[in-house]
Protein backbone atom coordinates (compact mmCIF):
# COMPACT_ATOMS: atom_id res chain seq x y z
CA UNK A 1 0.04 0.06 -0.06
CA UNK A 2 1.39 3.75 -0.72
CA UNK A 3 1.19 6.19 1.26
CA UNK A 4 -0.70 8.08 -0.57
CA UNK A 5 -3.40 5.44 0.04
CA UNK A 6 -2.67 4.99 3.30
CA UNK A 7 -5.90 5.99 6.37
CA UNK A 8 -5.63 9.22 7.46
CA UNK A 9 -5.07 9.76 10.70
CA UNK A 10 -5.35 13.27 12.79
CA UNK A 11 -4.40 13.43 16.41
CA UNK A 12 -5.44 16.91 18.54
CA UNK A 13 -3.84 17.74 21.58
CA UNK A 14 -0.86 18.11 23.77
CA UNK A 15 0.25 17.57 27.13
CA UNK A 16 0.97 14.20 28.52
CA UNK A 17 -1.63 11.91 27.18
CA UNK A 18 -0.62 12.61 23.69
CA UNK A 19 2.31 11.49 22.79
CA UNK A 20 1.25 7.66 24.43
CA UNK A 21 -1.51 7.72 21.88
CA UNK A 22 1.64 8.99 18.93
CA UNK A 23 4.17 6.16 20.28
CA UNK A 24 1.73 3.25 19.27
CA UNK A 25 -0.25 5.11 15.97
CA UNK A 26 3.40 6.00 14.65
CA UNK A 27 4.35 1.96 14.06
CA UNK A 28 1.06 1.43 12.03
CA UNK A 29 0.16 1.90 7.99
CA UNK A 30 -1.04 5.04 8.45
CA UNK A 31 -0.50 8.44 7.37
CA UNK A 32 0.02 10.31 10.89
CA UNK A 33 -0.36 13.85 11.36
CA UNK A 34 -0.22 15.40 15.13
CA UNK A 35 -1.82 19.30 15.97
CA UNK A 36 -0.10 20.59 18.62
CA UNK A 37 -1.12 22.69 21.41
CA UNK A 38 0.76 25.99 21.62
CA UNK A 39 -0.64 27.29 24.42
CA UNK A 40 1.88 26.18 27.86
CA UNK A 41 3.40 29.22 29.43
CA UNK A 42 5.15 27.57 32.14
CA UNK A 43 8.68 26.72 32.92
CA UNK A 44 11.31 26.64 30.20
CA UNK A 45 8.79 26.86 27.91
CA UNK A 46 7.11 29.60 29.29
CA UNK A 47 10.74 32.07 29.54
CA UNK A 48 11.53 31.00 26.05
CA UNK A 49 8.24 32.79 25.06
CA UNK A 50 8.84 35.86 26.87
CA UNK A 51 11.87 36.27 25.38
CA UNK A 52 11.21 34.69 21.93
CA UNK A 53 7.91 35.78 21.36
CA UNK A 54 7.11 32.39 19.85
CA UNK A 55 4.35 29.83 20.26
CA UNK A 56 5.44 27.45 23.22
CA UNK A 57 7.47 24.66 22.13
CA UNK A 58 7.28 22.30 25.11
CA UNK A 59 4.43 20.57 23.92
CA UNK A 60 6.00 20.16 20.42
CA UNK A 61 9.51 18.51 21.56
CA UNK A 62 7.41 16.02 23.34
CA UNK A 63 5.74 15.28 20.26
CA UNK A 64 8.57 15.32 18.42
CA UNK A 65 10.50 12.58 21.19
CA UNK A 66 7.73 10.60 20.46
CA UNK A 67 7.52 10.29 17.06
CA UNK A 68 11.20 10.34 16.02
CA UNK A 69 13.24 7.08 15.01
CA UNK A 70 16.54 7.82 16.20
CA UNK A 71 19.46 6.39 18.71
CA UNK A 72 17.87 6.46 22.55
CA UNK A 73 20.96 8.31 23.34
CA UNK A 74 19.97 11.04 20.92
CA UNK A 75 16.19 11.94 22.21
CA UNK A 76 17.74 11.69 26.06
CA UNK A 77 19.86 14.72 25.12
CA UNK A 78 16.75 16.49 23.19
CA UNK A 79 14.82 15.75 26.08
CA UNK A 80 17.34 16.59 28.88
CA UNK A 81 16.13 19.91 31.50
CA UNK A 82 19.18 21.13 32.54
CA UNK A 83 19.55 21.57 36.35
CA UNK A 84 22.80 23.79 36.70
CA UNK A 85 23.78 26.93 35.20
CA UNK A 86 22.62 30.14 35.54
CA UNK A 87 21.04 30.75 32.84
CA UNK A 88 20.62 26.90 31.37
CA UNK A 89 18.50 26.09 34.70
CA UNK A 90 15.35 24.13 33.98
CA UNK A 91 15.40 24.72 30.83
CA UNK A 92 15.08 21.64 28.22
CA UNK A 93 17.71 21.11 25.35
CA UNK A 94 14.65 20.25 23.26
CA UNK A 95 12.98 23.84 23.61
CA UNK A 96 16.39 25.48 23.24
CA UNK A 97 16.45 23.82 19.65
CA UNK A 98 13.22 25.00 18.76
CA UNK A 99 13.78 28.38 19.54
CA UNK A 100 17.32 28.30 17.73
CA UNK A 101 15.75 26.38 14.42
CA UNK A 102 12.96 29.25 14.58
CA UNK A 103 15.46 31.61 14.79
CA UNK A 104 17.31 30.11 12.05
CA UNK A 105 14.50 29.57 9.36
CA UNK A 106 12.31 32.50 10.69
CA UNK A 107 9.57 30.55 11.23
CA UNK A 108 8.47 27.98 14.15
CA UNK A 109 6.86 25.50 11.75
CA UNK A 110 9.37 25.66 9.36
CA UNK A 111 11.80 25.28 12.37
CA UNK A 112 9.79 22.10 13.71
CA UNK A 113 9.94 20.77 10.02
CA UNK A 114 13.46 21.04 10.01
CA UNK A 115 14.19 19.17 13.40
CA UNK A 116 11.83 16.63 12.65
CA UNK A 117 13.50 15.98 9.76
CA UNK A 118 17.38 16.01 11.25
CA UNK A 119 15.35 13.38 13.71
CA UNK A 120 13.67 11.32 11.43
CA UNK A 121 10.37 11.83 12.99
CA UNK A 122 7.40 9.32 11.57
CA UNK A 123 4.09 11.60 10.50
CA UNK A 124 3.74 14.96 10.09
CA UNK A 125 3.75 17.16 13.44
CA UNK A 126 1.94 20.50 13.02
CA UNK A 127 1.46 23.30 16.05
CA UNK A 128 -2.20 24.55 16.18
CA UNK A 129 -0.95 28.20 15.01
CA UNK A 130 1.96 29.71 14.66
CA UNK A 131 1.10 32.71 16.60
CA UNK A 132 2.14 32.99 20.25
CA UNK A 133 -1.06 33.47 22.03
CA UNK A 134 -2.57 32.93 25.78
CA UNK A 135 -4.88 30.73 27.15
CA UNK A 136 -8.09 32.27 29.54
CA UNK A 137 -10.40 31.54 31.54
CA UNK A 138 -13.27 32.28 33.04
CA UNK A 139 -14.68 30.54 36.16
CA UNK A 140 -17.88 30.21 37.31
CA UNK A 141 -17.65 32.89 39.65
CA UNK A 142 -17.25 35.32 36.88
CA UNK A 143 -13.14 35.99 37.45
CA UNK A 144 -11.07 35.18 34.75
CA UNK A 145 -7.79 33.95 35.38
CA UNK A 146 -5.10 34.50 32.44
CA UNK A 147 -2.32 32.10 31.54
CA UNK A 148 -2.24 27.69 30.96
CA UNK A 149 -0.47 26.73 33.73
CA UNK A 150 -2.03 29.53 36.26
CA UNK A 151 -5.50 28.14 35.37
CA UNK A 152 -5.48 25.11 37.46
CA UNK A 153 -3.87 27.08 40.43
CA UNK A 154 -7.34 29.11 40.41
CA UNK A 155 -8.70 25.67 42.12
CA UNK A 156 -12.38 26.85 40.94
CA UNK A 157 -14.96 25.69 38.28
CA UNK A 158 -14.02 26.65 35.09
CA UNK A 159 -17.48 27.58 33.04
CA UNK A 160 -14.84 28.59 29.83
CA UNK A 161 -11.23 29.01 28.11
CA UNK A 162 -10.80 31.56 25.32
CA UNK A 163 -7.47 32.73 23.52
CA UNK A 164 -5.86 36.11 23.49
CA UNK A 165 -5.93 36.86 20.51
CA UNK A 166 -9.54 35.86 19.68
CA UNK A 167 -9.00 35.94 16.63
CA UNK A 168 -5.60 33.48 16.43
CA UNK A 169 -5.51 32.12 13.00
CA UNK A 170 -4.84 28.34 12.51
CA UNK A 171 -1.90 27.39 10.08
CA UNK A 172 -3.81 26.08 7.03
CA UNK A 173 -1.98 22.73 7.12
CA UNK A 174 -4.27 21.87 10.17
CA UNK A 175 -7.48 22.88 8.61
CA UNK A 176 -5.87 20.91 5.53
CA UNK A 177 -5.36 17.45 7.77
CA UNK A 178 -8.59 17.51 9.03
CA UNK A 179 -10.60 18.19 5.81
CA UNK A 180 -8.86 15.18 4.57
CA UNK A 181 -8.62 13.03 7.53
CA UNK A 182 -10.54 9.04 7.65
CA UNK A 183 -10.45 9.37 11.56
CA UNK A 184 -10.09 12.38 13.63
CA UNK A 185 -8.87 11.73 17.29
CA UNK A 186 -9.53 14.23 20.20
CA UNK A 187 -6.39 12.93 22.51
CA UNK A 188 -6.31 12.50 26.39
CA UNK A 189 -4.85 15.19 28.51
CA UNK A 190 -6.08 17.92 30.29
CA UNK A 191 -9.49 19.07 29.11
CA UNK A 192 -9.23 23.25 29.74
CA UNK A 193 -5.97 23.94 28.68
CA UNK A 194 -4.34 20.65 26.48
CA UNK A 195 -7.15 20.21 24.62
CA UNK A 196 -9.55 22.77 24.00
CA UNK A 197 -6.80 25.51 23.20
CA UNK A 198 -7.07 23.37 19.99
CA UNK A 199 -10.22 22.81 19.38
CA UNK A 200 -11.54 26.72 19.71
CA UNK A 201 -9.45 28.26 17.61
CA UNK A 202 -11.80 29.84 14.33
CA UNK A 203 -11.75 27.26 11.27
CA UNK A 204 -10.28 24.43 13.51
CA UNK A 205 -13.81 24.71 15.68
CA UNK A 206 -15.59 24.54 11.82
CA UNK A 207 -13.10 21.94 10.62
CA UNK A 208 -14.03 19.72 13.38
CA UNK A 209 -17.86 20.33 12.97
CA UNK A 210 -18.03 19.55 9.31
CA UNK A 211 -15.40 16.54 9.20
CA UNK A 212 -17.03 13.88 7.44
CA UNK A 213 -14.69 11.42 9.14
CA UNK A 214 -14.80 9.56 12.34
CA UNK A 215 -14.26 12.03 15.37
CA UNK A 216 -13.69 9.92 18.40
CA UNK A 217 -12.63 11.18 21.92
CA UNK A 218 -10.05 9.52 24.17
CA UNK A 219 -11.41 9.85 27.35
CA UNK A 220 -9.29 10.94 31.07
CA UNK A 221 -9.17 7.46 32.81
CA UNK A 222 -9.39 10.19 36.18
CA UNK A 223 -10.19 13.21 37.03
CA UNK A 224 -7.66 17.05 37.41
CA UNK A 225 -7.69 18.56 40.37
CA UNK A 226 -8.80 22.47 39.22
CA UNK A 227 -9.67 21.71 36.17
CA UNK A 228 -12.19 18.35 36.11
CA UNK A 229 -12.85 17.32 39.65
CA UNK A 230 -16.59 15.45 40.00
CA UNK A 231 -16.38 15.27 36.09
CA UNK A 232 -17.97 12.24 34.89
CA UNK A 233 -17.36 11.24 30.84
CA UNK A 234 -20.21 13.20 29.64
CA UNK A 235 -19.23 16.22 31.18
CA UNK A 236 -15.65 16.31 29.77
CA UNK A 237 -17.68 15.51 26.46
CA UNK A 238 -20.62 18.26 27.50
CA UNK A 239 -17.73 20.93 27.96
CA UNK A 240 -16.08 20.14 24.68
CA UNK A 241 -19.85 20.36 22.83
CA UNK A 242 -20.10 24.09 24.92
CA UNK A 243 -17.15 25.19 23.26
CA UNK A 244 -17.27 23.65 19.65
CA UNK A 245 -20.84 23.00 19.20
CA UNK A 246 -23.10 19.66 19.92
CA UNK A 247 -22.58 16.57 17.88
CA UNK A 248 -19.29 17.85 16.89
CA UNK A 249 -17.90 14.34 18.72
CA UNK A 250 -19.27 10.60 17.19
CA UNK A 251 -17.92 8.65 19.75
CA UNK A 252 -15.96 8.52 23.01
CA UNK A 253 -13.11 5.61 23.93
CA UNK A 254 -13.32 4.73 27.96
CA UNK A 255 -11.50 2.65 29.95
CA UNK A 256 -14.12 0.07 31.21
CA UNK A 257 -11.70 -2.03 33.74
CA UNK A 258 -11.29 -1.15 37.99
CA UNK A 259 -8.56 0.92 38.88
CA UNK A 260 -6.41 -0.71 41.57
CA UNK A 261 -6.94 0.68 45.06
CA UNK A 262 -3.32 1.64 45.38
CA UNK A 263 -3.03 3.97 42.16
CA UNK A 264 -6.41 5.35 43.06
CA UNK A 265 -5.31 6.14 46.71
CA UNK A 266 -2.13 7.86 44.95
CA UNK A 267 -4.20 10.10 43.01
CA UNK A 268 -6.86 10.89 45.53
CA UNK A 269 -3.74 12.40 47.34
CA UNK A 270 -3.41 14.95 44.41
CA UNK A 271 -7.69 15.18 44.66
CA UNK A 272 -8.19 12.95 41.81
CA UNK A 273 -10.23 10.46 40.93
CA UNK A 274 -11.48 7.82 38.30
CA UNK A 275 -13.59 9.40 35.88
CA UNK A 276 -17.58 8.12 36.27
CA UNK A 277 -18.66 6.71 32.81
CA UNK A 278 -22.06 7.65 32.80
CA UNK A 279 -23.43 5.11 29.86
CA UNK A 280 -26.98 6.29 29.81
CA UNK A 281 -26.33 10.26 30.08
CA UNK A 282 -23.74 9.19 27.25
CA UNK A 283 -26.09 7.42 24.86
CA UNK A 284 -28.59 10.36 24.77
CA UNK A 285 -25.64 12.71 23.60
CA UNK A 286 -25.77 10.54 20.23
CA UNK A 287 -22.00 9.14 21.14
CA UNK A 288 -21.05 5.74 20.60
CA UNK A 289 -19.47 3.78 23.38
CA UNK A 290 -15.94 1.93 22.87
CA UNK A 291 -15.08 0.07 25.91
CA UNK A 292 -11.83 -1.48 26.49
CA UNK A 293 -9.09 -2.26 29.25
CA UNK A 294 -6.96 0.69 27.57
CA UNK A 295 -4.28 1.21 30.14
CA UNK A 296 -0.45 0.21 31.10
CA UNK A 297 -1.20 -2.22 33.88
CA UNK A 298 2.50 -1.90 34.50
CA UNK A 299 3.19 1.90 35.40
CA UNK A 300 2.52 2.90 38.79
CA UNK A 301 0.72 6.00 37.49
CA UNK A 302 -2.41 5.61 34.98
CA UNK A 303 -1.79 6.28 31.31
CA UNK A 304 -2.87 4.86 28.14
CA UNK A 305 -1.18 1.53 26.81
CA UNK A 306 0.49 2.61 23.87
CA UNK A 307 -0.20 -0.56 21.85
CA UNK A 308 -3.71 -1.05 22.79
CA UNK A 309 -5.40 2.03 22.25
CA UNK A 310 -3.44 2.26 18.90
CA UNK A 311 -4.94 -0.86 17.91
CA UNK A 312 -8.36 -0.02 19.19
CA UNK A 313 -8.20 3.32 17.54
CA UNK A 314 -6.78 1.63 13.84
CA UNK A 315 -9.59 -0.81 14.19
CA UNK A 316 -11.99 2.38 13.55
CA UNK A 317 -10.86 2.94 10.17
CA UNK A 318 -10.35 -0.87 8.95
């Protein structure tokens, strides 16, 4: 099968959940595109954004590492975070390389493509926008919190999130990828701060709504303090509907096995709990529910199993 005839899968997201999906998908006979958030503003990423006025490189860096096919030592170098040095402390080597390549090429997206070529990335990585943008949240009490890293710290229930500038322009290739996809996957991750910044961008939301392909949401296994405390699976979907439009998702993938008590207790210390899968409500929302044991049981922290979830997603287009 030639690449042109391969099914096209587009994954939208950021944070820690997206690379897990991509590591499994990159080994399948598909044309893979990752649309990645650039709203992060914490740590090394925030410092580079402030000094160079470029989109956030952190999530892009992690996606490059997930999709790269080079010696492990090269990836270790790319992901290395300096712990000493007045100017370098806290910076990631990959973030610095992305900033340098942006400076050399004069364009963030072009810089990503060049580093992807050097690191033999399988698939295409597209920042959701080439602009420097800031995420804001309006809380249920009416207060406004600015900055992706500050939103969970407010520890208030989020009413909606929005971007500044609000008329931020997505990259045309991002729209094209969604329009041509056989499957659009909204990855797990921080719902309001990693997922929403992608799908609320003007024209991206339109592309998702009009998509003739299957749009599937891989639901989080655990809630997240300061973002989705007390959220059920249907609450996650409703939040997406509130921002993008009713019916923009066709299917939801949920983990259907009990979580070990030791892991539940560990997450409870961070005010996180297993997401309740309210089946009747999901069905009433018009969703197809896809259930499975999709977590990696060999880890002490909860992560989707990269192989299981990739096979499950691939089965949706066969």
